[in-house]
Amino acid sequence: MTTRVIATVFLLVLVFGTVLSRAHDNFRIIGTLVKHQSSTLDVKNAEGKTLSIKMDKQTAVFRDKKKVERSALQVGQSLVVDAYGDSEDDALAVEIQIVPPIRGR
């Protein structure tokens, strides 16, 4: 009886853990840096919507495929941000690429 209960609980934890780990979506946000602080950056996308994206200690910043410090982020730069979260409005940046200016902006 005890082994059945333990096996059932283990199976439930395994199933719900898998479901919860897949709850986040991946996003690629392309736009212009409007504002940044130590833990967030605001990026204006092509549709004109400004998205506030969270950053943590593991968020990496690159320019020309080389890792750079966060201090390299400047207002007005074009960025490609790879992030994950429940929505674009609730995204955490994993990697930020500083890219050449996007035409038409």
Protein backbone atom coordinates (compact mmCIF):
# COMPACT_ATOMS: atom_id res chain seq x y z
CA MET A 1 0.00 0.00 0.00
CA THR A 2 2.75 2.46 0.95
CA THR A 3 4.72 1.79 -2.22
CA ARG A 4 1.62 2.47 -4.33
CA VAL A 5 1.08 5.83 -2.63
CA ILE A 6 4.73 6.77 -3.07
CA ALA A 7 4.68 5.69 -6.72
CA THR A 8 1.49 7.67 -7.36
CA VAL A 9 2.88 10.81 -5.71
CA PHE A 10 6.12 10.46 -7.67
CA LEU A 11 4.20 10.08 -10.93
CA LEU A 12 2.05 13.14 -10.17
CA VAL A 13 5.11 15.25 -9.34
CA LEU A 14 6.79 14.11 -12.54
CA VAL A 15 3.76 14.91 -14.70
CA PHE A 16 3.02 18.31 -13.14
CA GLY A 17 6.72 19.25 -13.13
CA THR A 18 6.90 18.60 -16.86
CA VAL A 19 3.76 20.66 -17.50
CA LEU A 20 4.99 23.59 -15.40
CA SER A 21 8.43 23.60 -17.01
CA ARG A 22 6.79 24.03 -20.42
CA ALA A 23 4.58 26.89 -19.25
CA HIS A 24 6.97 29.59 -20.51
CA ASP A 25 7.20 30.67 -24.13
CA ASN A 26 10.27 31.93 -25.96
CA PHE A 27 10.20 35.40 -27.49
CA ARG A 28 12.46 37.33 -29.85
CA ILE A 29 11.94 41.05 -29.39
CA ILE A 30 13.49 43.33 -32.01
CA GLY A 31 13.49 47.07 -31.47
CA THR A 32 15.13 50.20 -30.14
CA LEU A 33 16.31 50.67 -26.57
CA VAL A 34 14.21 53.42 -24.99
CA LYS A 35 15.32 53.13 -21.34
CA HIS A 36 17.33 50.78 -19.18
CA GLN A 37 17.99 50.26 -15.50
CA SER A 38 19.92 47.62 -13.62
CA SER A 39 17.16 45.01 -13.77
CA THR A 40 14.90 46.13 -16.65
CA LEU A 41 15.10 47.53 -20.14
CA ASP A 42 12.38 49.13 -22.24
CA VAL A 43 12.41 48.27 -25.95
CA LYS A 44 10.15 49.88 -28.56
CA ASN A 45 9.23 47.30 -31.21
CA ALA A 46 8.31 47.80 -34.89
CA GLU A 47 4.62 48.20 -34.02
CA GLY A 48 5.48 51.11 -31.73
CA LYS A 49 4.72 49.21 -28.52
CA THR A 50 7.21 49.66 -25.68
CA LEU A 51 7.93 46.44 -23.81
CA SER A 52 9.53 46.32 -20.38
CA ILE A 53 11.83 43.30 -20.22
CA LYS A 54 13.37 42.02 -17.00
CA MET A 55 17.07 41.13 -16.72
CA ASP A 56 18.87 39.03 -14.14
CA LYS A 57 22.50 38.18 -13.38
CA GLN A 58 22.52 35.53 -16.09
CA THR A 59 21.34 37.85 -18.88
CA ALA A 60 24.17 38.10 -21.40
CA VAL A 61 24.83 41.12 -23.63
CA PHE A 62 26.66 40.73 -26.97
CA ARG A 63 27.95 43.02 -29.71
CA ASP A 64 29.49 41.53 -32.87
CA LYS A 65 29.19 38.05 -31.30
CA LYS A 66 31.43 39.12 -28.39
CA LYS A 67 30.20 39.37 -24.83
CA VAL A 68 30.18 42.93 -23.48
CA GLU A 69 29.23 44.55 -20.20
CA ARG A 70 25.71 45.86 -19.60
CA SER A 71 27.19 49.33 -19.54
CA ALA A 72 27.48 48.99 -23.35
CA LEU A 73 23.69 49.35 -23.58
CA GLN A 74 22.82 52.88 -24.70
CA VAL A 75 19.46 54.50 -25.38
CA GLY A 76 18.73 54.54 -29.11
CA GLN A 77 20.58 51.32 -29.94
CA SER A 78 18.92 48.60 -31.98
CA LEU A 79 18.54 45.36 -30.06
CA VAL A 80 17.52 41.77 -30.58
CA VAL A 81 16.38 40.32 -27.26
CA ASP A 82 15.83 36.61 -26.76
CA ALA A 83 13.60 36.15 -23.74
CA TYR A 84 11.14 33.78 -22.14
CA GLY A 85 8.03 34.18 -20.04
CA ASP A 86 4.27 33.84 -20.05
CA SER A 87 3.93 36.79 -22.45
CA GLU A 88 6.05 39.52 -24.06
CA ASP A 89 4.88 41.84 -21.27
CA ASP A 90 6.23 39.42 -18.64
CA ALA A 91 9.51 38.38 -20.28
CA LEU A 92 12.95 37.74 -18.80
CA ALA A 93 15.87 38.46 -21.14
CA VAL A 94 18.25 35.56 -21.65
CA GLU A 95 20.43 37.18 -24.32
CA ILE A 96 20.64 40.70 -25.70
CA GLN A 97 22.33 41.42 -29.05
CA ILE A 98 23.35 44.98 -29.86
CA VAL A 99 22.97 45.20 -33.64
CA PRO A 100 23.53 47.85 -36.33
CA PRO A 101 20.69 50.38 -36.68
CA ILE A 102 17.49 48.93 -38.09
CA ARG A 103 16.47 50.67 -41.31
CA GLY A 104 13.28 52.68 -41.23
CA ARG A 105 13.64 53.73 -37.61
